[in-house]
C-alpha atoms as a PDB file:
ATOM      1  CA  MET A   1     -41.802 -12.006 -40.882  1.00  0.00           C
ATOM      2  CA  TRP A   2     -43.078 -15.018 -38.876  1.00  0.00           C
ATOM      3  CA  HIS A   3     -39.611 -16.507 -38.131  1.00  0.00           C
ATOM      4  CA  LYS A   4     -38.552 -13.307 -36.352  1.00  0.00           C
ATOM      5  CA  ASP A   5     -41.464 -13.291 -33.946  1.00  0.00           C
ATOM      6  CA  ARG A   6     -41.288 -14.720 -30.415  1.00  0.00           C
ATOM      7  CA  LEU A   7     -40.919 -18.503 -30.414  1.00  0.00           C
ATOM      8  CA  CYS A   8     -41.331 -21.233 -27.773  1.00  0.00           C
ATOM      9  CA  ALA A   9     -39.196 -24.226 -28.558  1.00  0.00           C
ATOM     10  CA  PHE A  10     -40.458 -27.533 -27.069  1.00  0.00           C
ATOM     11  CA  ASP A  11     -39.231 -31.094 -26.885  1.00  0.00           C
ATOM     12  CA  LEU A  12     -39.833 -34.183 -24.781  1.00  0.00           C
ATOM     13  CA  GLU A  13     -37.680 -37.258 -24.188  1.00  0.00           C
ATOM     14  CA  THR A  14     -39.816 -40.201 -23.133  1.00  0.00           C
ATOM     15  CA  THR A  15     -40.041 -43.885 -22.194  1.00  0.00           C
ATOM     16  CA  GLY A  16     -40.987 -44.837 -25.731  1.00  0.00           C
ATOM     17  CA  VAL A  17     -42.833 -43.941 -28.918  1.00  0.00           C
ATOM     18  CA  ASP A  18     -46.467 -44.755 -28.025  1.00  0.00           C
ATOM     19  CA  VAL A  19     -48.122 -41.419 -27.283  1.00  0.00           C
ATOM     20  CA  GLU A  20     -51.075 -43.154 -25.671  1.00  0.00           C
ATOM     21  CA  ALA A  21     -49.077 -45.105 -23.071  1.00  0.00           C
ATOM     22  CA  ASP A  22     -45.528 -43.741 -22.737  1.00  0.00           C
ATOM     23  CA  ARG A  23     -44.403 -41.156 -20.204  1.00  0.00           C
ATOM     24  CA  VAL A  24     -42.251 -37.965 -20.005  1.00  0.00           C
ATOM     25  CA  VAL A  25     -38.632 -38.400 -18.792  1.00  0.00           C
ATOM     26  CA  THR A  26     -37.142 -35.021 -19.638  1.00  0.00           C
ATOM     27  CA  ALA A  27     -38.655 -31.882 -21.156  1.00  0.00           C
ATOM     28  CA  ALA A  28     -37.468 -28.484 -22.397  1.00  0.00           C
ATOM     29  CA  VAL A  29     -39.412 -25.277 -23.008  1.00  0.00           C
ATOM     30  CA  ILE A  30     -37.268 -22.415 -24.310  1.00  0.00           C
ATOM     31  CA  GLY A  31     -38.611 -18.987 -25.010  1.00  0.00           C
ATOM     32  CA  LEU A  32     -36.462 -17.159 -27.535  1.00  0.00           C
ATOM     33  CA  GLY A  33     -36.376 -14.674 -30.422  1.00  0.00           C
ATOM     34  CA  GLY A  34     -38.646 -11.749 -31.087  1.00  0.00           C
ATOM     35  CA  GLY A  35     -36.110  -9.339 -29.612  1.00  0.00           C
ATOM     36  CA  GLY A  36     -36.467 -10.841 -26.110  1.00  0.00           C
ATOM     37  CA  GLN A  37     -34.209 -12.724 -23.752  1.00  0.00           C
ATOM     38  CA  THR A  38     -33.805 -16.469 -24.040  1.00  0.00           C
ATOM     39  CA  GLU A  39     -35.734 -18.263 -21.250  1.00  0.00           C
ATOM     40  CA  PRO A  40     -34.619 -21.910 -20.965  1.00  0.00           C
ATOM     41  CA  TYR A  41     -36.532 -24.362 -18.723  1.00  0.00           C
ATOM     42  CA  GLU A  42     -35.793 -28.069 -18.346  1.00  0.00           C
ATOM     43  CA  TRP A  43     -37.227 -30.888 -16.242  1.00  0.00           C
ATOM     44  CA  LEU A  44     -36.270 -34.443 -15.230  1.00  0.00           C
ATOM     45  CA  ALA A  45     -39.192 -36.599 -14.142  1.00  0.00           C
ATOM     46  CA  ASP A  46     -39.466 -39.905 -12.405  1.00  0.00           C
ATOM     47  CA  PRO A  47     -41.984 -41.426 -14.910  1.00  0.00           C
ATOM     48  CA  GLY A  48     -43.225 -43.968 -12.409  1.00  0.00           C
ATOM     49  CA  ILE A  49     -42.435 -46.879 -14.752  1.00  0.00           C
ATOM     50  CA  GLU A  50     -39.304 -48.588 -15.962  1.00  0.00           C
ATOM     51  CA  ILE A  51     -37.435 -46.798 -18.798  1.00  0.00           C
ATOM     52  CA  PRO A  52     -36.780 -49.400 -21.488  1.00  0.00           C
ATOM     53  CA  ALA A  53     -33.232 -50.009 -22.687  1.00  0.00           C
ATOM     54  CA  GLY A  54     -34.204 -48.754 -26.181  1.00  0.00           C
ATOM     55  CA  ALA A  55     -35.240 -45.368 -24.759  1.00  0.00           C
ATOM     56  CA  VAL A  56     -32.176 -45.134 -22.520  1.00  0.00           C
ATOM     57  CA  ALA A  57     -30.024 -45.731 -25.653  1.00  0.00           C
ATOM     58  CA  VAL A  58     -31.598 -42.628 -27.256  1.00  0.00           C
ATOM     59  CA  HIS A  59     -31.546 -40.077 -24.393  1.00  0.00           C
ATOM     60  CA  GLY A  60     -29.335 -41.659 -21.761  1.00  0.00           C
ATOM     61  CA  ILE A  61     -31.587 -41.366 -18.806  1.00  0.00           C
ATOM     62  CA  THR A  62     -31.853 -44.673 -16.800  1.00  0.00           C
ATOM     63  CA  THR A  63     -34.658 -45.691 -14.525  1.00  0.00           C
ATOM     64  CA  GLU A  64     -32.284 -45.493 -11.536  1.00  0.00           C
ATOM     65  CA  HIS A  65     -31.176 -41.961 -12.431  1.00  0.00           C
ATOM     66  CA  ALA A  66     -34.718 -40.772 -12.968  1.00  0.00           C
ATOM     67  CA  ARG A  67     -35.873 -42.207  -9.664  1.00  0.00           C
ATOM     68  CA  ALA A  68     -32.975 -40.705  -7.767  1.00  0.00           C
ATOM     69  CA  LYS A  69     -32.923 -37.235  -9.368  1.00  0.00           C
ATOM     70  CA  GLY A  70     -36.282 -36.742 -11.021  1.00  0.00           C
ATOM     71  CA  GLU A  71     -39.267 -34.900  -9.685  1.00  0.00           C
ATOM     72  CA  PRO A  72     -42.672 -36.621  -9.414  1.00  0.00           C
ATOM     73  CA  ALA A  73     -44.210 -37.016 -12.852  1.00  0.00           C
ATOM     74  CA  HIS A  74     -47.432 -35.279 -11.791  1.00  0.00           C
ATOM     75  CA  ASP A  75     -45.534 -32.198 -10.855  1.00  0.00           C
ATOM     76  CA  VAL A  76     -43.355 -32.154 -13.929  1.00  0.00           C
ATOM     77  CA  VAL A  77     -46.242 -32.565 -16.320  1.00  0.00           C
ATOM     78  CA  ASP A  78     -48.133 -29.811 -14.624  1.00  0.00           C
ATOM     79  CA  GLN A  79     -45.197 -27.454 -14.844  1.00  0.00           C
ATOM     80  CA  ILE A  80     -44.482 -28.251 -18.549  1.00  0.00           C
ATOM     81  CA  ALA A  81     -48.075 -27.597 -19.561  1.00  0.00           C
ATOM     82  CA  GLU A  82     -48.183 -24.318 -17.529  1.00  0.00           C
ATOM     83  CA  SER A  83     -44.881 -23.150 -18.888  1.00  0.00           C
ATOM     84  CA  LEU A  84     -46.102 -23.716 -22.485  1.00  0.00           C
ATOM     85  CA  ALA A  85     -49.478 -22.023 -21.722  1.00  0.00           C
ATOM     86  CA  VAL A  86     -47.768 -18.939 -20.342  1.00  0.00           C
ATOM     87  CA  ARG A  87     -45.443 -18.505 -23.319  1.00  0.00           C
ATOM     88  CA  VAL A  88     -48.137 -19.224 -25.934  1.00  0.00           C
ATOM     89  CA  GLY A  89     -50.454 -16.928 -24.054  1.00  0.00           C
ATOM     90  CA  ASP A  90     -47.847 -14.192 -24.381  1.00  0.00           C
ATOM     91  CA  GLY A  91     -47.968 -14.619 -28.129  1.00  0.00           C
ATOM     92  CA  ALA A  92     -45.162 -17.060 -28.903  1.00  0.00           C
ATOM     93  CA  ALA A  93     -45.452 -19.707 -31.570  1.00  0.00           C
ATOM     94  CA  LEU A  94     -44.708 -23.216 -30.374  1.00  0.00           C
ATOM     95  CA  VAL A  95     -41.747 -24.757 -32.328  1.00  0.00           C
ATOM     96  CA  GLY A  96     -40.638 -28.375 -32.480  1.00  0.00           C
ATOM     97  CA  HIS A  97     -39.773 -31.327 -34.677  1.00  0.00           C
ATOM     98  CA  ASN A  98     -42.654 -33.715 -35.363  1.00  0.00           C
ATOM     99  CA  VAL A  99     -44.820 -31.750 -32.897  1.00  0.00           C
ATOM    100  CA  PRO A 100     -47.853 -34.128 -32.890  1.00  0.00           C
ATOM    101  CA  TYR A 101     -45.736 -36.633 -30.913  1.00  0.00           C
ATOM    102  CA  ASP A 102     -44.809 -34.198 -28.146  1.00  0.00           C
ATOM    103  CA  LEU A 103     -48.123 -32.459 -27.890  1.00  0.00           C
ATOM    104  CA  THR A 104     -50.188 -35.629 -27.911  1.00  0.00           C
ATOM    105  CA  LEU A 105     -48.031 -37.391 -25.293  1.00  0.00           C
ATOM    106  CA  LEU A 106     -48.182 -34.267 -23.077  1.00  0.00           C
ATOM    107  CA  ASP A 107     -51.992 -34.154 -23.515  1.00  0.00           C
ATOM    108  CA  ARG A 108     -52.301 -37.819 -22.427  1.00  0.00           C
ATOM    109  CA  GLU A 109     -49.926 -37.266 -19.434  1.00  0.00           C
ATOM    110  CA  CYS A 110     -52.158 -34.368 -18.317  1.00  0.00           C
ATOM    111  CA  ARG A 111     -55.220 -36.588 -18.507  1.00  0.00           C
ATOM    112  CA  ARG A 112     -53.406 -39.448 -16.781  1.00  0.00           C
ATOM    113  CA  TYR A 113     -52.710 -37.268 -13.740  1.00  0.00           C
ATOM    114  CA  GLU A 114     -56.075 -35.424 -13.949  1.00  0.00           C
ATOM    115  CA  LEU A 115     -54.455 -32.140 -14.796  1.00  0.00           C
ATOM    116  CA  ARG A 116     -55.733 -29.393 -17.010  1.00  0.00           C
ATOM    117  CA  THR A 117     -54.532 -30.013 -20.586  1.00  0.00           C
ATOM    118  CA  LEU A 118     -52.633 -27.428 -22.514  1.00  0.00           C
ATOM    119  CA  HIS A 119     -55.755 -26.616 -24.514  1.00  0.00           C
ATOM    120  CA  ASP A 120     -57.771 -26.201 -21.318  1.00  0.00           C
ATOM    121  CA  ARG A 121     -55.178 -23.793 -19.974  1.00  0.00           C
ATOM    122  CA  LEU A 122     -55.115 -21.769 -23.171  1.00  0.00           C
ATOM    123  CA  GLY A 123     -58.912 -21.357 -23.349  1.00  0.00           C
ATOM    124  CA  GLU A 124     -59.666 -18.925 -26.173  1.00  0.00           C
ATOM    125  CA  THR A 125     -55.999 -18.208 -26.805  1.00  0.00           C
ATOM    126  CA  PRO A 126     -54.979 -19.731 -30.190  1.00  0.00           C
ATOM    127  CA  LEU A 127     -52.089 -22.224 -30.316  1.00  0.00           C
ATOM    128  CA  HIS A 128     -49.906 -21.553 -33.342  1.00  0.00           C
ATOM    129  CA  VAL A 129     -47.350 -24.170 -34.133  1.00  0.00           C
ATOM    130  CA  LEU A 130     -44.318 -24.271 -36.414  1.00  0.00           C
ATOM    131  CA  ASP A 131     -43.323 -27.908 -37.079  1.00  0.00           C
ATOM    132  CA  THR A 132     -39.843 -28.362 -38.692  1.00  0.00           C
ATOM    133  CA  ARG A 133     -40.862 -31.746 -40.119  1.00  0.00           C
ATOM    134  CA  VAL A 134     -43.918 -30.433 -41.885  1.00  0.00           C
ATOM    135  CA  LEU A 135     -42.298 -27.229 -43.047  1.00  0.00           C
ATOM    136  CA  ASP A 136     -39.201 -28.998 -44.422  1.00  0.00           C
ATOM    137  CA  THR A 137     -41.227 -31.668 -46.118  1.00  0.00           C
ATOM    138  CA  HIS A 138     -43.163 -29.009 -47.937  1.00  0.00           C
ATOM    139  CA  VAL A 139     -40.384 -26.699 -48.984  1.00  0.00           C
ATOM    140  CA  LEU A 140     -37.945 -29.542 -50.056  1.00  0.00           C
ATOM    141  CA  PRO A 141     -40.297 -32.435 -50.907  1.00  0.00           C
ATOM    142  CA  TYR A 142     -38.031 -34.529 -53.071  1.00  0.00           C
ATOM    143  CA  ARG A 143     -34.979 -34.902 -50.783  1.00  0.00           C
ATOM    144  CA  LYS A 144     -33.807 -38.506 -50.430  1.00  0.00           C
ATOM    145  CA  ARG A 145     -32.567 -40.054 -47.140  1.00  0.00           C
ATOM    146  CA  PRO A 146     -28.790 -39.562 -46.743  1.00  0.00           C
ATOM    147  CA  SER A 147     -28.190 -43.243 -45.878  1.00  0.00           C
ATOM    148  CA  GLU A 148     -29.923 -46.499 -44.965  1.00  0.00           C
ATOM    149  CA  THR A 149     -29.698 -45.558 -41.320  1.00  0.00           C
ATOM    150  CA  GLN A 150     -30.504 -41.835 -41.464  1.00  0.00           C
ATOM    151  CA  GLY A 151     -33.964 -40.638 -42.628  1.00  0.00           C
ATOM    152  CA  ALA A 152     -34.603 -37.690 -44.883  1.00  0.00           C
ATOM    153  CA  ARG A 153     -36.666 -35.840 -42.242  1.00  0.00           C
ATOM    154  CA  GLN A 154     -34.671 -36.604 -39.136  1.00  0.00           C
ATOM    155  CA  LEU A 155     -33.598 -33.546 -37.088  1.00  0.00           C
ATOM    156  CA  ILE A 156     -29.925 -34.357 -37.764  1.00  0.00           C
ATOM    157  CA  THR A 157     -30.618 -34.361 -41.543  1.00  0.00           C
ATOM    158  CA  LEU A 158     -32.377 -30.975 -41.327  1.00  0.00           C
ATOM    159  CA  ALA A 159     -29.428 -29.478 -39.395  1.00  0.00           C
ATOM    160  CA  HIS A 160     -27.134 -30.584 -42.197  1.00  0.00           C
ATOM    161  CA  VAL A 161     -29.412 -29.447 -44.950  1.00  0.00           C
ATOM    162  CA  TYR A 162     -29.728 -25.972 -43.440  1.00  0.00           C
ATOM    163  CA  ALA A 163     -25.973 -25.693 -42.627  1.00  0.00           C
ATOM    164  CA  LEU A 164     -26.315 -25.916 -38.808  1.00  0.00           C
ATOM    165  CA  PRO A 165     -23.614 -27.463 -36.638  1.00  0.00           C
ATOM    166  CA  TRP A 166     -24.646 -30.845 -35.122  1.00  0.00           C
ATOM    167  CA  ASP A 167     -23.179 -32.181 -31.870  1.00  0.00           C
ATOM    168  CA  GLU A 168     -23.964 -35.889 -31.618  1.00  0.00           C
ATOM    169  CA  ASP A 169     -22.967 -35.962 -27.954  1.00  0.00           C
ATOM    170  CA  GLU A 170     -25.590 -33.315 -27.155  1.00  0.00           C
ATOM    171  CA  ALA A 171     -28.294 -34.596 -29.553  1.00  0.00           C
ATOM    172  CA  HIS A 172     -31.423 -36.268 -28.152  1.00  0.00           C
ATOM    173  CA  GLY A 173     -31.152 -34.013 -25.086  1.00  0.00           C
ATOM    174  CA  CYS A 174     -34.403 -32.213 -24.956  1.00  0.00           C
ATOM    175  CA  SER A 175     -32.880 -28.710 -24.722  1.00  0.00           C
ATOM    176  CA  TYR A 176     -30.519 -29.373 -27.586  1.00  0.00           C
ATOM    177  CA  ASP A 177     -33.216 -30.724 -29.876  1.00  0.00           C
ATOM    178  CA  ALA A 178     -35.676 -27.980 -28.946  1.00  0.00           C
ATOM    179  CA  LEU A 179     -33.107 -25.292 -29.746  1.00  0.00           C
ATOM    180  CA  MET A 180     -32.042 -26.992 -32.981  1.00  0.00           C
ATOM    181  CA  SER A 181     -35.721 -27.025 -34.067  1.00  0.00           C
ATOM    182  CA  ALA A 182     -35.923 -23.273 -33.493  1.00  0.00           C
ATOM    183  CA  ARG A 183     -32.738 -22.758 -35.486  1.00  0.00           C
ATOM    184  CA  VAL A 184     -34.109 -24.813 -38.400  1.00  0.00           C
ATOM    185  CA  VAL A 185     -37.350 -22.828 -38.344  1.00  0.00           C
ATOM    186  CA  TYR A 186     -35.362 -19.617 -38.462  1.00  0.00           C
ATOM    187  CA  ARG A 187     -33.298 -20.833 -41.416  1.00  0.00           C
ATOM    188  CA  ILE A 188     -36.366 -21.886 -43.309  1.00  0.00           C
ATOM    189  CA  GLY A 189     -38.051 -18.505 -42.668  1.00  0.00           C
ATOM    190  CA  THR A 190     -34.922 -16.722 -43.739  1.00  0.00           C
ATOM    191  CA  LEU A 191     -34.762 -18.624 -47.016  1.00  0.00           C
ATOM    192  CA  ALA A 192     -38.415 -17.991 -47.601  1.00  0.00           C
ATOM    193  CA  HIS A 193     -37.803 -14.242 -47.509  1.00  0.00           C
ATOM    194  CA  MET A 194     -34.530 -14.304 -49.480  1.00  0.00           C
ATOM    195  CA  PRO A 195     -34.173 -13.924 -53.290  1.00  0.00           C
ATOM    196  CA  ARG A 196     -33.545 -17.292 -54.812  1.00  0.00           C
ATOM    197  CA  GLU A 197     -30.248 -16.181 -56.356  1.00  0.00           C
ATOM    198  CA  ASP A 198     -28.968 -15.605 -52.803  1.00  0.00           C
ATOM    199  CA  TRP A 199     -29.747 -19.111 -51.601  1.00  0.00           C
ATOM    200  CA  PRO A 200     -26.841 -21.428 -50.702  1.00  0.00           C
ATOM    201  CA  GLU A 201     -25.886 -23.669 -53.641  1.00  0.00           C
ATOM    202  CA  PRO A 202     -27.282 -26.875 -52.178  1.00  0.00           C
ATOM    203  CA  ILE A 203     -30.739 -25.285 -51.622  1.00  0.00           C
ATOM    204  CA  ARG A 204     -30.684 -23.471 -54.965  1.00  0.00           C
ATOM    205  CA  THR A 205     -29.984 -26.638 -56.826  1.00  0.00           C
ATOM    206  CA  ALA A 206     -32.546 -28.836 -54.903  1.00  0.00           C
ATOM    207  CA  ARG A 207     -35.340 -30.271 -56.988  1.00  0.00           C
ATOM    208  CA  ARG A 208     -38.324 -27.879 -57.069  1.00  0.00           C
ATOM    209  CA  PRO A 209     -37.954 -26.036 -53.760  1.00  0.00           C
ATOM    210  CA  ARG A 210     -41.117 -24.329 -52.512  1.00  0.00           C
ATOM    211  CA  PHE A 211     -39.904 -21.811 -49.953  1.00  0.00           C
ATOM    212  CA  GLY A 212     -41.986 -19.033 -51.658  1.00  0.00           C
ATOM    213  CA  ALA A 213     -45.111 -20.597 -50.190  1.00  0.00           C
ATOM    214  CA  LEU A 214     -44.015 -19.392 -46.705  1.00  0.00           C
ATOM    215  CA  GLU A 215     -43.212 -15.754 -47.643  1.00  0.00           C
ATOM    216  CA  GLY A 216     -45.163 -12.879 -46.165  1.00  0.00           C
ATOM    217  CA  LEU A 217     -47.447 -14.994 -43.897  1.00  0.00           C
ATOM    218  CA  ASP A 218     -48.221 -14.504 -40.229  1.00  0.00           C
ATOM    219  CA  VAL A 219     -48.051 -17.395 -37.876  1.00  0.00           C
ATOM    220  CA  ALA A 220     -51.789 -18.005 -37.879  1.00  0.00           C
ATOM    221  CA  GLU A 221     -51.821 -18.292 -41.644  1.00  0.00           C
ATOM    222  CA  LEU A 222     -48.757 -20.616 -41.574  1.00  0.00           C
ATOM    223  CA  HIS A 223     -50.345 -22.743 -38.934  1.00  0.00           C
ATOM    224  CA  ALA A 224     -53.478 -23.195 -41.021  1.00  0.00           C
ATOM    225  CA  LEU A 225     -51.424 -24.202 -44.095  1.00  0.00           C
ATOM    226  CA  GLN A 226     -49.535 -26.784 -42.027  1.00  0.00           C
ATOM    227  CA  VAL A 227     -52.817 -28.461 -41.050  1.00  0.00           C
ATOM    228  CA  THR A 228     -53.337 -29.051 -44.774  1.00  0.00           C
ATOM    229  CA  TRP A 229     -49.713 -29.890 -45.619  1.00  0.00           C
ATOM    230  CA  ALA A 230     -49.466 -32.428 -42.705  1.00  0.00           C
ATOM    231  CA  ALA A 231     -52.601 -34.234 -43.888  1.00  0.00           C
ATOM    232  CA  GLU A 232     -51.287 -34.367 -47.500  1.00  0.00           C
ATOM    233  CA  GLN A 233     -47.853 -35.632 -46.330  1.00  0.00           C
ATOM    234  CA  ALA A 234     -49.506 -38.303 -44.167  1.00  0.00           C
ATOM    235  CA  ALA A 235     -51.608 -39.450 -47.051  1.00  0.00           C
ATOM    236  CA  GLY A 236     -48.543 -39.731 -49.288  1.00  0.00           C
ATOM    237  CA  LEU A 237     -46.710 -41.722 -46.642  1.00  0.00           C
ATOM    238  CA  GLU A 238     -49.656 -44.037 -46.216  1.00  0.00           C
ATOM    239  CA  LYS A 239     -49.801 -44.628 -49.955  1.00  0.00           C
ATOM    240  CA  HIS A 240     -46.057 -45.535 -49.842  1.00  0.00           C
ATOM    241  CA  PHE A 241     -46.522 -47.935 -46.929  1.00  0.00           C
ATOM    242  CA  ARG A 242     -49.442 -49.657 -48.557  1.00  0.00           C
ATOM    243  CA  LYS A 243     -47.122 -50.896 -51.277  1.00  0.00           C
ATOM    244  CA  THR A 244     -45.978 -53.450 -48.792  1.00  0.00           C
ATOM    245  CA  ASP A 245     -48.744 -53.356 -46.163  1.00  0.00           C
ATOM    246  CA  PRO A 246     -52.239 -52.892 -47.693  1.00  0.00           C
ATOM    247  CA  ALA A 247     -53.713 -52.146 -44.203  1.00  0.00           C
ATOM    248  CA  ALA A 248     -51.207 -49.399 -43.290  1.00  0.00           C
ATOM    249  CA  VAL A 249     -52.798 -46.211 -41.775  1.00  0.00           C
ATOM    250  CA  VAL A 250     -50.959 -42.951 -41.146  1.00  0.00           C
ATOM    251  CA  ASP A 251     -52.691 -40.482 -38.892  1.00  0.00           C
ATOM    252  CA  ARG A 252     -53.474 -37.219 -40.619  1.00  0.00           C
ATOM    253  CA  SER A 253     -54.182 -35.104 -37.533  1.00  0.00           C
ATOM    254  CA  TRP A 254     -51.939 -32.153 -36.741  1.00  0.00           C
ATOM    255  CA  PRO A 255     -50.643 -30.612 -34.457  1.00  0.00           C
ATOM    256  CA  PHE A 256     -51.871 -33.327 -32.073  1.00  0.00           C
ATOM    257  CA  ARG A 257     -54.096 -36.405 -32.084  1.00  0.00           C
ATOM    258  CA  PRO A 258     -57.579 -35.919 -30.735  1.00  0.00           C
ATOM    259  CA  TRP A 259     -58.462 -37.591 -27.487  1.00  0.00           C
ATOM    260  CA  VAL A 260     -60.622 -40.703 -27.935  1.00  0.00           C
ATOM    261  CA  GLY A 261     -60.292 -42.905 -24.887  1.00  0.00           C
ATOM    262  CA  GLU A 262     -58.931 -43.647 -21.412  1.00  0.00           C
ATOM    263  CA  ALA A 263     -55.315 -42.945 -20.480  1.00  0.00           C
ATOM    264  CA  SER A 264     -53.231 -46.044 -19.675  1.00  0.00           C
END
């Protein structure tokens, strides 16, 4: 059962949301599951640019703190990519929430500092990814947002849906979010391999759940399905956005955006 194999939980906190231009501030890589010990790694970087107030409001790391306590960005980016390569090379599936953001930004950071990318480091070793956003959207496609301020696919929403405790004081720290993503993946995998009559009542009564699509797969098969599901989900979101913006485009690539130009 894929959710009981070795996992590598991954999350970044950054200077913003532009994967082509923004920088790593903190990062977590956590090896866990599969009968092995938990191996947590966390970094604080000096990103070399100002950390905007909006980003500080999310993760709490100021420019002054990053400059005083952080390691050089070049070194941190190199260590993150190598830590991921080692764990994926040992057979772990990479786990995260909205993975294309983190993997794409890491790829651009590697290029910015003329470091080997994660894909370069892996060589012929396949990268298998479990993305909580893609998986949750597929298995519970009709869930509405809980409120005007909280989205249907935010990590906090997934924690509540899958009956996981949520600590708002710890949330948006990279280690907390990475670990929560791994826990969500485990719950989704457990439900996929559980008789429907044993599901918790909120899951059992959800509109047309599709956990069965995940049963009995290996991580390679599930990765391949997520490529298709992510593209379908992006197309659906684009269609929704075009109701108000006819020019709206939602990127369909997964688990990261291909490289097309110079790093800024």
